[in-house]
Amino acid sequence: RLGVRKEQKEYDYWGQGTQVTVSS
């Protein structure tokens, strides 16, 4: 599956996440 997609259902593998916090 080579093409760019926006829908979550189009993706097969997921990472655990990394937190980004932007302070004001």
PDB file of all heavy atoms in Angstrom:
ATOM      1  N   ARG A   1       0.861  -1.178   0.000  1.00  0.00           N
ATOM      2  CA  ARG A   1       0.000   0.000   0.000  1.00  0.00           C
ATOM      3  C   ARG A   1       0.899   1.230   0.000  1.00  0.00           C
ATOM      4  O   ARG A   1       1.367   1.691   1.040  1.00  0.00           O
ATOM      5  CB  ARG A   1      -0.939  -0.036   1.198  1.00  0.00           C
ATOM      6  CG  ARG A   1      -1.719  -1.351   1.282  1.00  0.00           C
ATOM      7  CD  ARG A   1      -2.541  -1.467   2.542  1.00  0.00           C
ATOM      8  NE  ARG A   1      -3.765  -0.682   2.462  1.00  0.00           N
ATOM      9  CZ  ARG A   1      -4.618  -0.531   3.466  1.00  0.00           C
ATOM     10  NH1 ARG A   1      -4.369  -1.098   4.640  1.00  0.00           N
ATOM     11  NH2 ARG A   1      -5.714   0.191   3.298  1.00  0.00           N
ATOM     12  N   LEU A   2       1.151   1.742  -1.182  1.00  0.00           N
ATOM     13  CA  LEU A   2       2.212   2.723  -1.386  1.00  0.00           C
ATOM     14  C   LEU A   2       1.777   4.174  -1.254  1.00  0.00           C
ATOM     15  O   LEU A   2       2.615   5.042  -0.978  1.00  0.00           O
ATOM     16  CB  LEU A   2       2.825   2.530  -2.782  1.00  0.00           C
ATOM     17  CG  LEU A   2       3.263   1.114  -3.150  1.00  0.00           C
ATOM     18  CD1 LEU A   2       3.876   1.107  -4.534  1.00  0.00           C
ATOM     19  CD2 LEU A   2       4.242   0.558  -2.132  1.00  0.00           C
ATOM     20  N   GLY A   3       0.511   4.453  -1.468  1.00  0.00           N
ATOM     21  CA  GLY A   3       0.070   5.830  -1.574  1.00  0.00           C
ATOM     22  C   GLY A   3      -0.290   6.479  -0.253  1.00  0.00           C
ATOM     23  O   GLY A   3      -0.614   5.813   0.732  1.00  0.00           O
ATOM     24  N   VAL A   4      -0.248   7.810  -0.244  1.00  0.00           N
ATOM     25  CA  VAL A   4      -0.594   8.569   0.947  1.00  0.00           C
ATOM     26  C   VAL A   4      -2.095   8.467   1.205  1.00  0.00           C
ATOM     27  O   VAL A   4      -2.906   8.458   0.285  1.00  0.00           O
ATOM     28  CB  VAL A   4      -0.170  10.043   0.816  1.00  0.00           C
ATOM     29  CG1 VAL A   4       1.340  10.143   0.726  1.00  0.00           C
ATOM     30  CG2 VAL A   4      -0.811  10.693  -0.407  1.00  0.00           C
ATOM     31  N   ARG A   5      -2.458   8.385   2.484  1.00  0.00           N
ATOM     32  CA  ARG A   5      -3.846   8.295   2.896  1.00  0.00           C
ATOM     33  C   ARG A   5      -4.031   9.023   4.209  1.00  0.00           C
ATOM     34  O   ARG A   5      -3.119   9.077   5.032  1.00  0.00           O
ATOM     35  CB  ARG A   5      -4.287   6.841   3.049  1.00  0.00           C
ATOM     36  CG  ARG A   5      -4.320   6.050   1.740  1.00  0.00           C
ATOM     37  CD  ARG A   5      -5.448   6.527   0.845  1.00  0.00           C
ATOM     38  NE  ARG A   5      -5.607   5.659  -0.315  1.00  0.00           N
ATOM     39  CZ  ARG A   5      -4.927   5.784  -1.444  1.00  0.00           C
ATOM     40  NH1 ARG A   5      -4.011   6.752  -1.568  1.00  0.00           N
ATOM     41  NH2 ARG A   5      -5.142   4.949  -2.457  1.00  0.00           N
ATOM     42  N   LYS A   6      -5.220   9.561   4.420  1.00  0.00           N
ATOM     43  CA  LYS A   6      -5.544  10.295   5.639  1.00  0.00           C
ATOM     44  C   LYS A   6      -6.305   9.471   6.664  1.00  0.00           C
ATOM     45  O   LYS A   6      -6.319   9.816   7.844  1.00  0.00           O
ATOM     46  CB  LYS A   6      -6.381  11.531   5.295  1.00  0.00           C
ATOM     47  CG  LYS A   6      -5.672  12.545   4.415  1.00  0.00           C
ATOM     48  CD  LYS A   6      -6.588  13.722   4.131  1.00  0.00           C
ATOM     49  CE  LYS A   6      -5.887  14.760   3.271  1.00  0.00           C
ATOM     50  NZ  LYS A   6      -6.783  15.910   2.958  1.00  0.00           N
ATOM     51  N   GLU A   7      -6.948   8.420   6.228  1.00  0.00           N
ATOM     52  CA  GLU A   7      -7.830   7.664   7.105  1.00  0.00           C
ATOM     53  C   GLU A   7      -7.050   6.675   7.958  1.00  0.00           C
ATOM     54  O   GLU A   7      -6.199   5.946   7.465  1.00  0.00           O
ATOM     55  CB  GLU A   7      -8.888   6.925   6.289  1.00  0.00           C
ATOM     56  CG  GLU A   7      -9.810   7.837   5.487  1.00  0.00           C
ATOM     57  CD  GLU A   7      -9.206   8.295   4.172  1.00  0.00           C
ATOM     58  OE1 GLU A   7      -8.111   7.818   3.807  1.00  0.00           O
ATOM     59  OE2 GLU A   7      -9.832   9.124   3.498  1.00  0.00           O
ATOM     60  N   GLN A   8      -7.383   6.621   9.230  1.00  0.00           N
ATOM     61  CA  GLN A   8      -6.710   5.709  10.143  1.00  0.00           C
ATOM     62  C   GLN A   8      -6.859   4.263   9.705  1.00  0.00           C
ATOM     63  O   GLN A   8      -5.932   3.461   9.866  1.00  0.00           O
ATOM     64  CB  GLN A   8      -7.257   5.869  11.566  1.00  0.00           C
ATOM     65  CG  GLN A   8      -6.975   7.219  12.178  1.00  0.00           C
ATOM     66  CD  GLN A   8      -7.489   7.322  13.593  1.00  0.00           C
ATOM     67  OE1 GLN A   8      -7.143   6.514  14.452  1.00  0.00           O
ATOM     68  NE2 GLN A   8      -8.324   8.320  13.838  1.00  0.00           N
ATOM     69  N   LYS A   9      -8.005   3.928   9.138  1.00  0.00           N
ATOM     70  CA  LYS A   9      -8.268   2.556   8.733  1.00  0.00           C
ATOM     71  C   LYS A   9      -7.384   2.095   7.592  1.00  0.00           C
ATOM     72  O   LYS A   9      -7.304   0.901   7.312  1.00  0.00           O
ATOM     73  CB  LYS A   9      -9.742   2.392   8.340  1.00  0.00           C
ATOM     74  CG  LYS A   9     -10.145   3.192   7.110  1.00  0.00           C
ATOM     75  CD  LYS A   9     -11.620   2.989   6.810  1.00  0.00           C
ATOM     76  CE  LYS A   9     -12.070   3.830   5.625  1.00  0.00           C
ATOM     77  NZ  LYS A   9     -11.325   3.491   4.397  1.00  0.00           N
ATOM     78  N   GLU A  10      -6.705   3.010   6.939  1.00  0.00           N
ATOM     79  CA  GLU A  10      -5.822   2.670   5.836  1.00  0.00           C
ATOM     80  C   GLU A  10      -4.435   2.233   6.311  1.00  0.00           C
ATOM     81  O   GLU A  10      -3.610   1.838   5.486  1.00  0.00           O
ATOM     82  CB  GLU A  10      -5.680   3.853   4.885  1.00  0.00           C
ATOM     83  CG  GLU A  10      -6.970   4.218   4.163  1.00  0.00           C
ATOM     84  CD  GLU A  10      -7.351   3.197   3.104  1.00  0.00           C
ATOM     85  OE1 GLU A  10      -6.484   2.395   2.698  1.00  0.00           O
ATOM     86  OE2 GLU A  10      -8.520   3.191   2.685  1.00  0.00           O
ATOM     87  N   TYR A  11      -4.183   2.299   7.601  1.00  0.00           N
ATOM     88  CA  TYR A  11      -2.878   1.957   8.156  1.00  0.00           C
ATOM     89  C   TYR A  11      -2.934   0.638   8.915  1.00  0.00           C
ATOM     90  O   TYR A  11      -3.904   0.347   9.614  1.00  0.00           O
ATOM     91  CB  TYR A  11      -2.371   3.090   9.053  1.00  0.00           C
ATOM     92  CG  TYR A  11      -2.057   4.316   8.252  1.00  0.00           C
ATOM     93  CD1 TYR A  11      -3.065   5.203   7.880  1.00  0.00           C
ATOM     94  CD2 TYR A  11      -0.760   4.579   7.823  1.00  0.00           C
ATOM     95  CE1 TYR A  11      -2.787   6.315   7.102  1.00  0.00           C
ATOM     96  CE2 TYR A  11      -0.473   5.688   7.050  1.00  0.00           C
ATOM     97  CZ  TYR A  11      -1.491   6.552   6.693  1.00  0.00           C
ATOM     98  OH  TYR A  11      -1.208   7.653   5.921  1.00  0.00           O
ATOM     99  N   ASP A  12      -1.875  -0.138   8.778  1.00  0.00           N
ATOM    100  CA  ASP A  12      -1.835  -1.495   9.299  1.00  0.00           C
ATOM    101  C   ASP A  12      -1.001  -1.651  10.570  1.00  0.00           C
ATOM    102  O   ASP A  12      -1.227  -2.584  11.341  1.00  0.00           O
ATOM    103  CB  ASP A  12      -1.275  -2.432   8.230  1.00  0.00           C
ATOM    104  CG  ASP A  12      -2.065  -2.353   6.941  1.00  0.00           C
ATOM    105  OD1 ASP A  12      -3.227  -2.819   6.939  1.00  0.00           O
ATOM    106  OD2 ASP A  12      -1.534  -1.823   5.942  1.00  0.00           O
ATOM    107  N   TYR A  13      -0.050  -0.774  10.791  1.00  0.00           N
ATOM    108  CA  TYR A  13       0.842  -0.857  11.942  1.00  0.00           C
ATOM    109  C   TYR A  13       0.895   0.485  12.644  1.00  0.00           C
ATOM    110  O   TYR A  13       0.891   1.535  12.010  1.00  0.00           O
ATOM    111  CB  TYR A  13       2.259  -1.255  11.498  1.00  0.00           C
ATOM    112  CG  TYR A  13       2.299  -2.483  10.630  1.00  0.00           C
ATOM    113  CD1 TYR A  13       2.464  -2.376   9.256  1.00  0.00           C
ATOM    114  CD2 TYR A  13       2.176  -3.757  11.186  1.00  0.00           C
ATOM    115  CE1 TYR A  13       2.496  -3.500   8.450  1.00  0.00           C
ATOM    116  CE2 TYR A  13       2.205  -4.883  10.384  1.00  0.00           C
ATOM    117  CZ  TYR A  13       2.368  -4.753   9.021  1.00  0.00           C
ATOM    118  OH  TYR A  13       2.400  -5.873   8.218  1.00  0.00           O
ATOM    119  N   TRP A  14       0.999   0.434  13.981  1.00  0.00           N
ATOM    120  CA  TRP A  14       0.995   1.639  14.792  1.00  0.00           C
ATOM    121  C   TRP A  14       2.063   1.585  15.868  1.00  0.00           C
ATOM    122  O   TRP A  14       2.310   0.529  16.453  1.00  0.00           O
ATOM    123  CB  TRP A  14      -0.369   1.828  15.459  1.00  0.00           C
ATOM    124  CG  TRP A  14      -1.451   2.129  14.487  1.00  0.00           C
ATOM    125  CD1 TRP A  14      -2.158   1.230  13.752  1.00  0.00           C
ATOM    126  CD2 TRP A  14      -1.941   3.427  14.141  1.00  0.00           C
ATOM    127  NE1 TRP A  14      -3.074   1.895  12.953  1.00  0.00           N
ATOM    128  CE2 TRP A  14      -2.957   3.234  13.180  1.00  0.00           C
ATOM    129  CE3 TRP A  14      -1.627   4.718  14.551  1.00  0.00           C
ATOM    130  CZ2 TRP A  14      -3.655   4.302  12.619  1.00  0.00           C
ATOM    131  CZ3 TRP A  14      -2.318   5.782  14.006  1.00  0.00           C
ATOM    132  CH2 TRP A  14      -3.321   5.559  13.047  1.00  0.00           C
ATOM    133  N   GLY A  15       2.669   2.730  16.130  1.00  0.00           N
ATOM    134  CA  GLY A  15       3.601   2.841  17.232  1.00  0.00           C
ATOM    135  C   GLY A  15       2.883   3.139  18.531  1.00  0.00           C
ATOM    136  O   GLY A  15       1.655   3.248  18.586  1.00  0.00           O
ATOM    137  N   GLN A  16       3.659   3.284  19.587  1.00  0.00           N
ATOM    138  CA  GLN A  16       3.095   3.484  20.919  1.00  0.00           C
ATOM    139  C   GLN A  16       2.787   4.939  21.236  1.00  0.00           C
ATOM    140  O   GLN A  16       2.091   5.222  22.210  1.00  0.00           O
ATOM    141  CB  GLN A  16       4.056   2.927  21.976  1.00  0.00           C
ATOM    142  CG  GLN A  16       5.214   3.844  22.361  1.00  0.00           C
ATOM    143  CD  GLN A  16       6.274   4.003  21.280  1.00  0.00           C
ATOM    144  OE1 GLN A  16       6.310   3.250  20.305  1.00  0.00           O
ATOM    145  NE2 GLN A  16       7.157   4.991  21.450  1.00  0.00           N
ATOM    146  N   GLY A  17       3.293   5.844  20.439  1.00  0.00           N
ATOM    147  CA  GLY A  17       3.065   7.259  20.642  1.00  0.00           C
ATOM    148  C   GLY A  17       4.194   7.949  21.372  1.00  0.00           C
ATOM    149  O   GLY A  17       4.930   7.334  22.139  1.00  0.00           O
ATOM    150  N   THR A  18       4.343   9.235  21.115  1.00  0.00           N
ATOM    151  CA  THR A  18       5.293  10.072  21.833  1.00  0.00           C
ATOM    152  C   THR A  18       4.620  11.406  22.127  1.00  0.00           C
ATOM    153  O   THR A  18       3.953  11.980  21.271  1.00  0.00           O
ATOM    154  CB  THR A  18       6.604  10.257  21.036  1.00  0.00           C
ATOM    155  OG1 THR A  18       7.558  10.977  21.826  1.00  0.00           O
ATOM    156  CG2 THR A  18       6.379  10.999  19.729  1.00  0.00           C
ATOM    157  N   GLN A  19       4.783  11.882  23.345  1.00  0.00           N
ATOM    158  CA  GLN A  19       4.061  13.062  23.788  1.00  0.00           C
ATOM    159  C   GLN A  19       4.776  14.335  23.356  1.00  0.00           C
ATOM    160  O   GLN A  19       5.978  14.490  23.556  1.00  0.00           O
ATOM    161  CB  GLN A  19       3.899  13.055  25.310  1.00  0.00           C
ATOM    162  CG  GLN A  19       3.144  14.254  25.871  1.00  0.00           C
ATOM    163  CD  GLN A  19       1.688  14.290  25.451  1.00  0.00           C
ATOM    164  OE1 GLN A  19       1.046  13.244  25.361  1.00  0.00           O
ATOM    165  NE2 GLN A  19       1.167  15.480  25.180  1.00  0.00           N
ATOM    166  N   VAL A  20       4.015  15.251  22.790  1.00  0.00           N
ATOM    167  CA  VAL A  20       4.498  16.583  22.455  1.00  0.00           C
ATOM    168  C   VAL A  20       3.665  17.592  23.233  1.00  0.00           C
ATOM    169  O   VAL A  20       2.434  17.601  23.126  1.00  0.00           O
ATOM    170  CB  VAL A  20       4.387  16.870  20.948  1.00  0.00           C
ATOM    171  CG1 VAL A  20       4.702  18.338  20.652  1.00  0.00           C
ATOM    172  CG2 VAL A  20       5.320  15.959  20.174  1.00  0.00           C
ATOM    173  N   THR A  21       4.330  18.418  24.005  1.00  0.00           N
ATOM    174  CA  THR A  21       3.647  19.443  24.779  1.00  0.00           C
ATOM    175  C   THR A  21       4.242  20.792  24.429  1.00  0.00           C
ATOM    176  O   THR A  21       5.453  20.989  24.539  1.00  0.00           O
ATOM    177  CB  THR A  21       3.778  19.190  26.282  1.00  0.00           C
ATOM    178  OG1 THR A  21       3.242  17.900  26.600  1.00  0.00           O
ATOM    179  CG2 THR A  21       3.022  20.248  27.075  1.00  0.00           C
ATOM    180  N   VAL A  22       3.388  21.725  24.027  1.00  0.00           N
ATOM    181  CA  VAL A  22       3.814  23.067  23.641  1.00  0.00           C
ATOM    182  C   VAL A  22       3.228  24.044  24.644  1.00  0.00           C
ATOM    183  O   VAL A  22       2.009  24.176  24.757  1.00  0.00           O
ATOM    184  CB  VAL A  22       3.363  23.419  22.222  1.00  0.00           C
ATOM    185  CG1 VAL A  22       3.917  24.782  21.825  1.00  0.00           C
ATOM    186  CG2 VAL A  22       3.821  22.351  21.237  1.00  0.00           C
ATOM    187  N   SER A  23       4.085  24.726  25.355  1.00  0.00           N
ATOM    188  CA  SER A  23       3.644  25.671  26.364  1.00  0.00           C
ATOM    189  C   SER A  23       3.469  27.052  25.762  1.00  0.00           C
ATOM    190  O   SER A  23       4.108  27.409  24.770  1.00  0.00           O
ATOM    191  CB  SER A  23       4.640  25.728  27.518  1.00  0.00           C
ATOM    192  OG  SER A  23       5.892  26.239  27.082  1.00  0.00           O
ATOM    193  N   SER A  24       2.599  27.838  26.382  1.00  0.00           N
ATOM    194  CA  SER A  24       2.351  29.198  25.930  1.00  0.00           C
ATOM    195  C   SER A  24       3.218  30.202  26.651  1.00  0.00           C
ATOM    196  O   SER A  24       3.375  31.328  26.219  1.00  0.00           O
ATOM    197  CB  SER A  24       0.878  29.551  26.099  1.00  0.00           C
ATOM    198  OG  SER A  24       0.502  29.447  27.455  1.00  0.00           O
TER     199      SER A  24
END
